């Protein structure tokens, strides 16, 4: 075919048919033929090493966070006014669905030492605060007894060793015993507290309560405004977190275990894929038609653009 006619055809309908031919050929190939385990491991390692060796990623990430925070600062509306109504409604319907996770799973997640320390301190503070308020009348009585002791004079003091001192000592001992008993009570109650939390989250009979709790959290998030989100975004120190991740990945890639772990991951991916074609996999996911259509359209667009370049005409002239 004449090179100029081929260029003209590729700039027209020919690009569409060629793109369809290319995409269908790729879809009918096995997944394993597109990317072998060795290539997957090599590519993953190369990408990680390139990022770890460069400060550019962290700098770009930092600039992106700053730009996002700046935009959020200027946005005074709450999230509920920004999110589309249909999206909010779909999220609420999803959160309203009954969901009861296994109780053992919930306890495994929440019953940890830092959580126990926090709950222990909260319970202890609440109990002691209540006890001090409840004992206020007794303290007033103790002060009255102290005044009575002073009024009684030296004769009473000589026989009793000082009623006022006795009342003060008793009051101090009561407070110490109160704190001791409160600590013992809280420690004994911790298991029950976490068990009740787990029951509230995992008992199917309380699924509606759990759904209401999720919706309450969701509604609370929707009340957040741009400046509030910007402040928390800055407090997250995403750039610092990226530095931490990079340091951890660097240590891992330098270890002997990393190569074996990457190969094991790749093997598992390809074992699941088996001998199935890309077409079969996409069809099972319900994504075949839309994926094929988008891929053909995008490739045809690229082919039309390429066919109109001087570089393509020169290449075609050399190969004709």
C-alpha atoms as a PDB file:
ATOM      1  CA  UNK A   1       0.000   0.000   0.000  1.00  0.00           C
ATOM      2  CA  UNK A   2       1.125   3.524  -0.731  1.00  0.00           C
ATOM      3  CA  UNK A   3       2.548   5.088   2.479  1.00  0.00           C
ATOM      4  CA  UNK A   4       0.433   8.224   2.081  1.00  0.00           C
ATOM      5  CA  UNK A   5      -2.743   6.180   1.701  1.00  0.00           C
ATOM      6  CA  UNK A   6      -1.841   4.205   4.808  1.00  0.00           C
ATOM      7  CA  UNK A   7      -1.350   7.419   6.754  1.00  0.00           C
ATOM      8  CA  UNK A   8      -4.705   8.717   5.542  1.00  0.00           C
ATOM      9  CA  UNK A   9      -6.404   5.467   6.497  1.00  0.00           C
ATOM     10  CA  UNK A  10      -4.858   5.493   9.951  1.00  0.00           C
ATOM     11  CA  UNK A  11      -6.029   9.050  10.429  1.00  0.00           C
ATOM     12  CA  UNK A  12      -9.563   7.871   9.650  1.00  0.00           C
ATOM     13  CA  UNK A  13     -11.479   4.652  10.363  1.00  0.00           C
ATOM     14  CA  UNK A  14      -8.392   2.512   9.985  1.00  0.00           C
ATOM     15  CA  UNK A  15      -7.157   3.562  13.412  1.00  0.00           C
ATOM     16  CA  UNK A  16     -10.350   2.237  15.021  1.00  0.00           C
ATOM     17  CA  UNK A  17     -10.152  -1.189  13.360  1.00  0.00           C
ATOM     18  CA  UNK A  18      -6.421  -1.511  14.064  1.00  0.00           C
ATOM     19  CA  UNK A  19      -6.975  -0.562  17.697  1.00  0.00           C
ATOM     20  CA  UNK A  20      -9.763  -3.150  18.002  1.00  0.00           C
ATOM     21  CA  UNK A  21      -7.519  -5.800  16.485  1.00  0.00           C
ATOM     22  CA  UNK A  22      -4.721  -4.970  18.920  1.00  0.00           C
ATOM     23  CA  UNK A  23      -6.937  -4.866  22.015  1.00  0.00           C
ATOM     24  CA  UNK A  24      -8.724  -8.125  21.127  1.00  0.00           C
ATOM     25  CA  UNK A  25      -5.375  -9.825  20.618  1.00  0.00           C
ATOM     26  CA  UNK A  26      -4.279  -8.692  24.060  1.00  0.00           C
ATOM     27  CA  UNK A  27      -7.569  -9.737  25.695  1.00  0.00           C
ATOM     28  CA  UNK A  28      -7.342 -13.231  24.236  1.00  0.00           C
ATOM     29  CA  UNK A  29      -3.874 -13.772  25.638  1.00  0.00           C
ATOM     30  CA  UNK A  30      -3.242 -15.403  28.996  1.00  0.00           C
ATOM     31  CA  UNK A  31      -2.668 -13.077  31.907  1.00  0.00           C
ATOM     32  CA  UNK A  32       0.641 -14.738  32.560  1.00  0.00           C
ATOM     33  CA  UNK A  33       1.800 -13.872  29.061  1.00  0.00           C
ATOM     34  CA  UNK A  34       1.384 -10.152  29.728  1.00  0.00           C
ATOM     35  CA  UNK A  35       3.493 -10.088  32.862  1.00  0.00           C
ATOM     36  CA  UNK A  36       5.615 -12.959  34.152  1.00  0.00           C
ATOM     37  CA  UNK A  37       6.471 -13.361  37.848  1.00  0.00           C
ATOM     38  CA  UNK A  38      10.100 -12.497  37.129  1.00  0.00           C
ATOM     39  CA  UNK A  39       9.117  -9.280  35.343  1.00  0.00           C
ATOM     40  CA  UNK A  40       6.686  -8.388  38.128  1.00  0.00           C
ATOM     41  CA  UNK A  41       9.343  -8.820  40.833  1.00  0.00           C
ATOM     42  CA  UNK A  42      11.947  -6.944  38.828  1.00  0.00           C
ATOM     43  CA  UNK A  43       9.574  -4.085  38.050  1.00  0.00           C
ATOM     44  CA  UNK A  44       8.386  -3.752  41.635  1.00  0.00           C
ATOM     45  CA  UNK A  45      11.941  -3.710  42.953  1.00  0.00           C
ATOM     46  CA  UNK A  46      13.062  -1.181  40.339  1.00  0.00           C
ATOM     47  CA  UNK A  47      10.161   1.153  41.089  1.00  0.00           C
ATOM     48  CA  UNK A  48      10.753   0.979  44.826  1.00  0.00           C
ATOM     49  CA  UNK A  49      14.478   1.518  44.487  1.00  0.00           C
ATOM     50  CA  UNK A  50      13.968   4.490  42.166  1.00  0.00           C
ATOM     51  CA  UNK A  51      11.615   6.139  44.653  1.00  0.00           C
ATOM     52  CA  UNK A  52      13.771   5.358  47.663  1.00  0.00           C
ATOM     53  CA  UNK A  53      16.849   6.813  45.982  1.00  0.00           C
ATOM     54  CA  UNK A  54      15.154  10.117  45.196  1.00  0.00           C
ATOM     55  CA  UNK A  55      14.015  12.987  47.381  1.00  0.00           C
ATOM     56  CA  UNK A  56      11.668  14.117  44.633  1.00  0.00           C
ATOM     57  CA  UNK A  57       8.727  11.971  45.725  1.00  0.00           C
ATOM     58  CA  UNK A  58       8.714  13.349  49.266  1.00  0.00           C
ATOM     59  CA  UNK A  59       9.087  16.922  47.993  1.00  0.00           C
ATOM     60  CA  UNK A  60       6.236  16.490  45.517  1.00  0.00           C
ATOM     61  CA  UNK A  61       4.102  14.903  48.219  1.00  0.00           C
ATOM     62  CA  UNK A  62       4.851  17.777  50.579  1.00  0.00           C
ATOM     63  CA  UNK A  63       3.943  20.373  47.950  1.00  0.00           C
ATOM     64  CA  UNK A  64       0.737  18.490  47.173  1.00  0.00           C
ATOM     65  CA  UNK A  65      -0.285  18.440  50.843  1.00  0.00           C
ATOM     66  CA  UNK A  66       0.432  22.151  51.193  1.00  0.00           C
ATOM     67  CA  UNK A  67      -1.609  22.945  48.074  1.00  0.00           C
ATOM     68  CA  UNK A  68      -4.517  20.800  49.290  1.00  0.00           C
ATOM     69  CA  UNK A  69      -4.404  22.398  52.750  1.00  0.00           C
ATOM     70  CA  UNK A  70      -4.451  25.843  51.146  1.00  0.00           C
ATOM     71  CA  UNK A  71      -7.520  24.946  49.077  1.00  0.00           C
ATOM     72  CA  UNK A  72      -9.282  23.513  52.116  1.00  0.00           C
ATOM     73  CA  UNK A  73      -8.594  26.659  54.126  1.00  0.00           C
ATOM     74  CA  UNK A  74     -10.474  28.669  51.513  1.00  0.00           C
ATOM     75  CA  UNK A  75     -13.447  26.261  51.552  1.00  0.00           C
ATOM     76  CA  UNK A  76     -15.757  27.223  54.416  1.00  0.00           C
ATOM     77  CA  UNK A  77     -18.598  24.861  53.583  1.00  0.00           C
ATOM     78  CA  UNK A  78     -19.079  21.561  55.407  1.00  0.00           C
ATOM     79  CA  UNK A  79     -18.556  18.251  53.632  1.00  0.00           C
ATOM     80  CA  UNK A  80     -22.304  17.636  53.588  1.00  0.00           C
ATOM     81  CA  UNK A  81     -22.677  20.709  51.378  1.00  0.00           C
ATOM     82  CA  UNK A  82     -19.877  19.591  49.058  1.00  0.00           C
ATOM     83  CA  UNK A  83     -20.637  15.888  48.604  1.00  0.00           C
ATOM     84  CA  UNK A  84     -23.350  15.079  46.026  1.00  0.00           C
ATOM     85  CA  UNK A  85     -26.683  14.194  47.601  1.00  0.00           C
ATOM     86  CA  UNK A  86     -26.876  10.811  45.850  1.00  0.00           C
ATOM     87  CA  UNK A  87     -23.405   9.881  47.122  1.00  0.00           C
ATOM     88  CA  UNK A  88     -24.334  10.829  50.690  1.00  0.00           C
ATOM     89  CA  UNK A  89     -27.539   8.826  50.478  1.00  0.00           C
ATOM     90  CA  UNK A  90     -25.745   5.773  49.110  1.00  0.00           C
ATOM     91  CA  UNK A  91     -23.181   5.986  51.920  1.00  0.00           C
ATOM     92  CA  UNK A  92     -25.925   6.231  54.546  1.00  0.00           C
ATOM     93  CA  UNK A  93     -27.750   3.220  53.087  1.00  0.00           C
ATOM     94  CA  UNK A  94     -24.501   1.260  53.125  1.00  0.00           C
ATOM     95  CA  UNK A  95     -23.818   2.159  56.765  1.00  0.00           C
ATOM     96  CA  UNK A  96     -27.397   1.262  57.740  1.00  0.00           C
ATOM     97  CA  UNK A  97     -26.973  -2.312  56.557  1.00  0.00           C
ATOM     98  CA  UNK A  98     -26.769  -4.797  59.469  1.00  0.00           C
ATOM     99  CA  UNK A  99     -23.224  -5.919  60.165  1.00  0.00           C
ATOM    100  CA  UNK A 100     -22.096  -7.979  63.156  1.00  0.00           C
ATOM    101  CA  UNK A 101     -18.394  -8.899  63.223  1.00  0.00           C
ATOM    102  CA  UNK A 102     -17.137 -11.815  65.278  1.00  0.00           C
ATOM    103  CA  UNK A 103     -16.745 -10.881  68.954  1.00  0.00           C
ATOM    104  CA  UNK A 104     -13.307 -12.486  69.223  1.00  0.00           C
ATOM    105  CA  UNK A 105     -12.153 -10.445  66.237  1.00  0.00           C
ATOM    106  CA  UNK A 106     -13.420  -7.214  67.851  1.00  0.00           C
ATOM    107  CA  UNK A 107     -11.674  -7.988  71.131  1.00  0.00           C
ATOM    108  CA  UNK A 108      -8.445  -8.820  69.305  1.00  0.00           C
ATOM    109  CA  UNK A 109      -8.524  -5.350  67.764  1.00  0.00           C
ATOM    110  CA  UNK A 110      -9.657  -3.166  70.694  1.00  0.00           C
ATOM    111  CA  UNK A 111      -8.362  -4.978  73.794  1.00  0.00           C
ATOM    112  CA  UNK A 112      -4.771  -3.724  73.630  1.00  0.00           C
ATOM    113  CA  UNK A 113      -2.581  -2.283  76.362  1.00  0.00           C
ATOM    114  CA  UNK A 114      -2.690   1.348  75.156  1.00  0.00           C
ATOM    115  CA  UNK A 115      -6.491   1.116  74.882  1.00  0.00           C
ATOM    116  CA  UNK A 116      -6.720  -0.448  78.332  1.00  0.00           C
ATOM    117  CA  UNK A 117      -4.555   2.335  79.791  1.00  0.00           C
ATOM    118  CA  UNK A 118      -6.795   4.992  78.282  1.00  0.00           C
ATOM    119  CA  UNK A 119     -10.055   3.368  79.416  1.00  0.00           C
ATOM    120  CA  UNK A 120      -8.584   2.670  82.878  1.00  0.00           C
ATOM    121  CA  UNK A 121      -7.652   6.312  83.352  1.00  0.00           C
ATOM    122  CA  UNK A 122     -11.044   7.540  82.124  1.00  0.00           C
ATOM    123  CA  UNK A 123     -12.948   5.211  84.442  1.00  0.00           C
ATOM    124  CA  UNK A 124     -10.701   5.993  87.382  1.00  0.00           C
ATOM    125  CA  UNK A 125     -11.046   9.746  86.910  1.00  0.00           C
ATOM    126  CA  UNK A 126     -14.828   9.448  86.669  1.00  0.00           C
ATOM    127  CA  UNK A 127     -15.117   7.264  89.783  1.00  0.00           C
ATOM    128  CA  UNK A 128     -12.807   9.414  91.910  1.00  0.00           C
ATOM    129  CA  UNK A 129     -14.509  12.610  90.788  1.00  0.00           C
ATOM    130  CA  UNK A 130     -17.885  11.175  91.728  1.00  0.00           C
ATOM    131  CA  UNK A 131     -16.574   9.902  95.053  1.00  0.00           C
ATOM    132  CA  UNK A 132     -15.065  13.274  95.964  1.00  0.00           C
ATOM    133  CA  UNK A 133     -18.315  15.066  95.153  1.00  0.00           C
ATOM    134  CA  UNK A 134     -20.322  12.488  97.080  1.00  0.00           C
ATOM    135  CA  UNK A 135     -17.997  12.808 100.099  1.00  0.00           C
ATOM    136  CA  UNK A 136     -18.275  16.615 100.220  1.00  0.00           C
ATOM    137  CA  UNK A 137     -20.978  16.523 102.968  1.00  0.00           C
ATOM    138  CA  UNK A 138     -18.722  14.252 105.010  1.00  0.00           C
ATOM    139  CA  UNK A 139     -15.901  16.734 104.598  1.00  0.00           C
ATOM    140  CA  UNK A 140     -18.164  19.474 105.956  1.00  0.00           C
ATOM    141  CA  UNK A 141     -18.987  17.280 108.931  1.00  0.00           C
ATOM    142  CA  UNK A 142     -15.276  16.686 109.483  1.00  0.00           C
ATOM    143  CA  UNK A 143     -14.651  20.437 109.500  1.00  0.00           C
ATOM    144  CA  UNK A 144     -17.464  20.823 112.053  1.00  0.00           C
ATOM    145  CA  UNK A 145     -15.913  18.201 114.252  1.00  0.00           C
ATOM    146  CA  UNK A 146     -12.605  19.998 113.986  1.00  0.00           C
ATOM    147  CA  UNK A 147     -14.220  23.202 115.224  1.00  0.00           C
ATOM    148  CA  UNK A 148     -15.850  21.272 118.033  1.00  0.00           C
ATOM    149  CA  UNK A 149     -12.496  19.849 119.049  1.00  0.00           C
ATOM    150  CA  UNK A 150     -10.984  23.318 119.153  1.00  0.00           C
ATOM    151  CA  UNK A 151     -13.901  24.549 121.279  1.00  0.00           C
ATOM    152  CA  UNK A 152     -13.489  21.651 123.708  1.00  0.00           C
ATOM    153  CA  UNK A 153     -10.102  22.967 124.776  1.00  0.00           C
ATOM    154  CA  UNK A 154      -7.015  21.454 126.260  1.00  0.00           C
ATOM    155  CA  UNK A 155      -8.871  19.016 128.524  1.00  0.00           C
ATOM    156  CA  UNK A 156     -10.349  17.180 125.557  1.00  0.00           C
ATOM    157  CA  UNK A 157      -7.055  17.271 123.701  1.00  0.00           C
ATOM    158  CA  UNK A 158      -5.220  15.754 126.656  1.00  0.00           C
ATOM    159  CA  UNK A 159      -7.588  12.810 126.740  1.00  0.00           C
ATOM    160  CA  UNK A 160      -8.023  12.223 123.034  1.00  0.00           C
ATOM    161  CA  UNK A 161      -4.711  13.384 121.559  1.00  0.00           C
ATOM    162  CA  UNK A 162      -6.521  16.060 119.537  1.00  0.00           C
ATOM    163  CA  UNK A 163      -9.894  15.343 118.007  1.00  0.00           C
ATOM    164  CA  UNK A 164      -9.163  17.675 115.104  1.00  0.00           C
ATOM    165  CA  UNK A 165      -5.972  15.775 114.226  1.00  0.00           C
ATOM    166  CA  UNK A 166      -7.862  12.515 114.486  1.00  0.00           C
ATOM    167  CA  UNK A 167     -10.564  13.709 112.108  1.00  0.00           C
ATOM    168  CA  UNK A 168      -7.906  14.912 109.639  1.00  0.00           C
ATOM    169  CA  UNK A 169      -6.087  11.601 109.807  1.00  0.00           C
ATOM    170  CA  UNK A 170      -9.302   9.646 109.304  1.00  0.00           C
ATOM    171  CA  UNK A 171     -10.275  11.849 106.375  1.00  0.00           C
ATOM    172  CA  UNK A 172      -6.877  11.336 104.695  1.00  0.00           C
ATOM    173  CA  UNK A 173      -6.986   7.594 105.279  1.00  0.00           C
ATOM    174  CA  UNK A 174     -10.512   7.393 103.832  1.00  0.00           C
ATOM    175  CA  UNK A 175      -9.345   9.197 100.688  1.00  0.00           C
ATOM    176  CA  UNK A 176      -6.349   6.884 100.308  1.00  0.00           C
ATOM    177  CA  UNK A 177      -8.534   3.827 100.760  1.00  0.00           C
ATOM    178  CA  UNK A 178     -11.013   5.272  98.285  1.00  0.00           C
ATOM    179  CA  UNK A 179      -8.336   5.679  95.614  1.00  0.00           C
ATOM    180  CA  UNK A 180      -6.985   2.190  96.292  1.00  0.00           C
ATOM    181  CA  UNK A 181     -10.424   0.616  96.074  1.00  0.00           C
ATOM    182  CA  UNK A 182     -11.211   2.632  92.938  1.00  0.00           C
ATOM    183  CA  UNK A 183      -8.059   1.370  91.195  1.00  0.00           C
ATOM    184  CA  UNK A 184      -8.872  -2.220  92.193  1.00  0.00           C
ATOM    185  CA  UNK A 185     -12.449  -1.813  91.000  1.00  0.00           C
ATOM    186  CA  UNK A 186     -11.427  -0.343  87.653  1.00  0.00           C
ATOM    187  CA  UNK A 187      -8.845  -3.066  86.999  1.00  0.00           C
ATOM    188  CA  UNK A 188     -11.427  -5.733  87.814  1.00  0.00           C
ATOM    189  CA  UNK A 189     -14.013  -4.069  85.592  1.00  0.00           C
ATOM    190  CA  UNK A 190     -11.783  -3.701  82.526  1.00  0.00           C
ATOM    191  CA  UNK A 191     -12.588  -7.131  81.112  1.00  0.00           C
ATOM    192  CA  UNK A 192     -16.299  -6.454  81.440  1.00  0.00           C
ATOM    193  CA  UNK A 193     -15.990  -3.046  79.786  1.00  0.00           C
ATOM    194  CA  UNK A 194     -14.249  -4.428  76.711  1.00  0.00           C
ATOM    195  CA  UNK A 195     -16.646  -7.378  76.629  1.00  0.00           C
ATOM    196  CA  UNK A 196     -19.608  -4.998  76.586  1.00  0.00           C
ATOM    197  CA  UNK A 197     -18.038  -2.932  73.801  1.00  0.00           C
ATOM    198  CA  UNK A 198     -17.460  -6.103  71.787  1.00  0.00           C
ATOM    199  CA  UNK A 199     -21.040  -7.220  72.449  1.00  0.00           C
ATOM    200  CA  UNK A 200     -22.377  -3.867  71.273  1.00  0.00           C
ATOM    201  CA  UNK A 201     -20.471  -4.225  68.019  1.00  0.00           C
ATOM    202  CA  UNK A 202     -20.866  -7.947  67.350  1.00  0.00           C
ATOM    203  CA  UNK A 203     -24.240  -9.030  68.775  1.00  0.00           C
ATOM    204  CA  UNK A 204     -26.679  -9.486  65.832  1.00  0.00           C
ATOM    205  CA  UNK A 205     -29.525  -8.473  68.156  1.00  0.00           C
ATOM    206  CA  UNK A 206     -27.905  -5.053  68.502  1.00  0.00           C
ATOM    207  CA  UNK A 207     -27.111  -4.600  64.820  1.00  0.00           C
ATOM    208  CA  UNK A 208     -29.496  -1.656  64.598  1.00  0.00           C
ATOM    209  CA  UNK A 209     -27.708   0.105  67.465  1.00  0.00           C
ATOM    210  CA  UNK A 210     -24.361  -0.452  65.758  1.00  0.00           C
ATOM    211  CA  UNK A 211     -25.772   0.971  62.528  1.00  0.00           C
ATOM    212  CA  UNK A 212     -26.985   4.059  64.398  1.00  0.00           C
ATOM    213  CA  UNK A 213     -23.504   4.482  65.851  1.00  0.00           C
ATOM    214  CA  UNK A 214     -21.906   4.266  62.390  1.00  0.00           C
ATOM    215  CA  UNK A 215     -24.397   6.792  61.047  1.00  0.00           C
ATOM    216  CA  UNK A 216     -23.661   9.139  63.942  1.00  0.00           C
ATOM    217  CA  UNK A 217     -19.943   9.026  63.121  1.00  0.00           C
ATOM    218  CA  UNK A 218     -20.740   9.538  59.434  1.00  0.00           C
ATOM    219  CA  UNK A 219     -22.934  12.566  60.161  1.00  0.00           C
ATOM    220  CA  UNK A 220     -20.183  13.945  62.376  1.00  0.00           C
ATOM    221  CA  UNK A 221     -17.666  13.673  59.542  1.00  0.00           C
ATOM    222  CA  UNK A 222     -20.057  15.437  57.180  1.00  0.00           C
ATOM    223  CA  UNK A 223     -20.172  18.387  59.574  1.00  0.00           C
ATOM    224  CA  UNK A 224     -16.442  19.001  59.147  1.00  0.00           C
ATOM    225  CA  UNK A 225     -15.406  22.105  57.239  1.00  0.00           C
ATOM    226  CA  UNK A 226     -12.463  22.798  54.956  1.00  0.00           C
ATOM    227  CA  UNK A 227     -10.347  24.640  57.570  1.00  0.00           C
ATOM    228  CA  UNK A 228     -10.885  21.824  60.079  1.00  0.00           C
ATOM    229  CA  UNK A 229      -9.731  19.243  57.558  1.00  0.00           C
ATOM    230  CA  UNK A 230      -6.772  21.416  56.540  1.00  0.00           C
ATOM    231  CA  UNK A 231      -5.605  21.665  60.143  1.00  0.00           C
ATOM    232  CA  UNK A 232      -5.782  17.908  60.652  1.00  0.00           C
ATOM    233  CA  UNK A 233      -4.088  17.287  57.293  1.00  0.00           C
ATOM    234  CA  UNK A 234      -1.141  19.419  58.386  1.00  0.00           C
ATOM    235  CA  UNK A 235      -1.056  17.721  61.804  1.00  0.00           C
ATOM    236  CA  UNK A 236      -0.811  14.323  60.103  1.00  0.00           C
ATOM    237  CA  UNK A 237       2.692  15.238  58.849  1.00  0.00           C
ATOM    238  CA  UNK A 238       2.257  13.176  55.693  1.00  0.00           C
ATOM    239  CA  UNK A 239       5.691  14.135  54.398  1.00  0.00           C
ATOM    240  CA  UNK A 240       7.281  12.948  57.648  1.00  0.00           C
ATOM    241  CA  UNK A 241       5.304   9.729  57.362  1.00  0.00           C
ATOM    242  CA  UNK A 242       6.613   9.264  53.836  1.00  0.00           C
ATOM    243  CA  UNK A 243      10.161   9.604  55.136  1.00  0.00           C
ATOM    244  CA  UNK A 244       9.431   6.919  57.725  1.00  0.00           C
ATOM    245  CA  UNK A 245       7.946   4.607  55.090  1.00  0.00           C
ATOM    246  CA  UNK A 246      10.928   5.180  52.828  1.00  0.00           C
ATOM    247  CA  UNK A 247      13.376   4.344  55.617  1.00  0.00           C
ATOM    248  CA  UNK A 248      11.481   1.152  56.425  1.00  0.00           C
ATOM    249  CA  UNK A 249      11.317   0.065  52.791  1.00  0.00           C
ATOM    250  CA  UNK A 250      15.016   0.771  52.351  1.00  0.00           C
ATOM    251  CA  UNK A 251      15.829  -1.536  55.261  1.00  0.00           C
ATOM    252  CA  UNK A 252      13.479  -4.192  53.896  1.00  0.00           C
ATOM    253  CA  UNK A 253      14.882  -4.075  50.339  1.00  0.00           C
ATOM    254  CA  UNK A 254      18.371  -4.393  51.811  1.00  0.00           C
ATOM    255  CA  UNK A 255      17.422  -7.548  53.700  1.00  0.00           C
ATOM    256  CA  UNK A 256      17.875 -11.075  52.400  1.00  0.00           C
ATOM    257  CA  UNK A 257      14.191 -11.820  52.917  1.00  0.00           C
ATOM    258  CA  UNK A 258      12.895  -9.186  50.491  1.00  0.00           C
ATOM    259  CA  UNK A 259      13.721 -11.099  47.304  1.00  0.00           C
ATOM    260  CA  UNK A 260      12.051 -14.284  48.524  1.00  0.00           C
ATOM    261  CA  UNK A 261       8.998 -12.367  49.765  1.00  0.00           C
ATOM    262  CA  UNK A 262       8.583 -10.524  46.457  1.00  0.00           C
ATOM    263  CA  UNK A 263       8.868 -13.779  44.525  1.00  0.00           C
ATOM    264  CA  UNK A 264       6.342 -15.451  46.806  1.00  0.00           C
ATOM    265  CA  UNK A 265       3.894 -12.577  46.298  1.00  0.00           C
ATOM    266  CA  UNK A 266       4.308 -12.726  42.519  1.00  0.00           C
ATOM    267  CA  UNK A 267       3.835 -16.492  42.516  1.00  0.00           C
ATOM    268  CA  UNK A 268       0.595 -16.148  44.478  1.00  0.00           C
ATOM    269  CA  UNK A 269      -0.700 -13.522  42.041  1.00  0.00           C
ATOM    270  CA  UNK A 270      -0.029 -15.721  39.031  1.00  0.00           C
ATOM    271  CA  UNK A 271      -1.325 -18.832  40.757  1.00  0.00           C
ATOM    272  CA  UNK A 272      -4.691 -17.123  41.191  1.00  0.00           C
ATOM    273  CA  UNK A 273      -4.622 -15.960  37.585  1.00  0.00           C
ATOM    274  CA  UNK A 274      -3.896 -19.471  36.316  1.00  0.00           C
ATOM    275  CA  UNK A 275      -4.286 -20.062  32.578  1.00  0.00           C
ATOM    276  CA  UNK A 276      -7.237 -17.723  32.205  1.00  0.00           C
ATOM    277  CA  UNK A 277      -7.248 -15.038  29.571  1.00  0.00           C
ATOM    278  CA  UNK A 278      -7.605 -11.345  30.270  1.00  0.00           C
ATOM    279  CA  UNK A 279     -10.973 -11.471  28.505  1.00  0.00           C
ATOM    280  CA  UNK A 280     -12.257 -14.211  30.836  1.00  0.00           C
ATOM    281  CA  UNK A 281     -11.073 -12.377  33.929  1.00  0.00           C
ATOM    282  CA  UNK A 282     -12.687  -9.084  32.912  1.00  0.00           C
ATOM    283  CA  UNK A 283     -15.903 -10.851  31.897  1.00  0.00           C
ATOM    284  CA  UNK A 284     -16.132 -12.465  35.324  1.00  0.00           C
ATOM    285  CA  UNK A 285     -15.749  -9.028  36.922  1.00  0.00           C
ATOM    286  CA  UNK A 286     -18.392  -7.570  34.622  1.00  0.00           C
ATOM    287  CA  UNK A 287     -15.854  -5.144  33.162  1.00  0.00           C
ATOM    288  CA  UNK A 288     -15.139  -6.641  29.746  1.00  0.00           C
ATOM    289  CA  UNK A 289     -17.294  -4.456  27.507  1.00  0.00           C
ATOM    290  CA  UNK A 290     -16.526  -1.135  29.159  1.00  0.00           C
ATOM    291  CA  UNK A 291     -12.795  -1.906  29.420  1.00  0.00           C
ATOM    292  CA  UNK A 292     -12.603  -3.031  25.780  1.00  0.00           C
ATOM    293  CA  UNK A 293     -14.515   0.006  24.567  1.00  0.00           C
ATOM    294  CA  UNK A 294     -12.366   2.500  26.483  1.00  0.00           C
ATOM    295  CA  UNK A 295      -9.122   0.773  25.492  1.00  0.00           C
ATOM    296  CA  UNK A 296     -10.012   0.713  21.777  1.00  0.00           C
ATOM    297  CA  UNK A 297     -11.074   4.358  21.784  1.00  0.00           C
ATOM    298  CA  UNK A 298      -7.934   5.525  23.566  1.00  0.00           C
ATOM    299  CA  UNK A 299      -5.599   3.443  21.389  1.00  0.00           C
ATOM    300  CA  UNK A 300      -7.341   4.620  18.190  1.00  0.00           C
ATOM    301  CA  UNK A 301      -6.901   8.207  19.344  1.00  0.00           C
ATOM    302  CA  UNK A 302      -3.199   7.622  19.887  1.00  0.00           C
ATOM    303  CA  UNK A 303      -2.840   5.946  16.476  1.00  0.00           C
ATOM    304  CA  UNK A 304      -4.529   8.845  14.701  1.00  0.00           C
ATOM    305  CA  UNK A 305      -2.231  11.305  16.402  1.00  0.00           C
ATOM    306  CA  UNK A 306       0.837   9.209  15.650  1.00  0.00           C
ATOM    307  CA  UNK A 307      -0.115   8.782  11.968  1.00  0.00           C
ATOM    308  CA  UNK A 308      -0.201  12.540  11.532  1.00  0.00           C
ATOM    309  CA  UNK A 309       3.380  13.119  12.723  1.00  0.00           C
ATOM    310  CA  UNK A 310       6.421  13.641  10.533  1.00  0.00           C
ATOM    311  CA  UNK A 311       8.278  11.048  12.599  1.00  0.00           C
ATOM    312  CA  UNK A 312       5.719   8.364  11.664  1.00  0.00           C
ATOM    313  CA  UNK A 313       5.871   9.337   7.972  1.00  0.00           C
ATOM    314  CA  UNK A 314       9.674   9.095   8.063  1.00  0.00           C
ATOM    315  CA  UNK A 315       9.531   5.699   9.803  1.00  0.00           C
ATOM    316  CA  UNK A 316       6.956   4.462   7.309  1.00  0.00           C
ATOM    317  CA  UNK A 317       9.126   5.643   4.398  1.00  0.00           C
ATOM    318  CA  UNK A 318      12.119   3.743   5.802  1.00  0.00           C
ATOM    319  CA  UNK A 319      10.165   0.506   6.240  1.00  0.00           C
ATOM    320  CA  UNK A 320       8.131   0.671   3.025  1.00  0.00           C
END
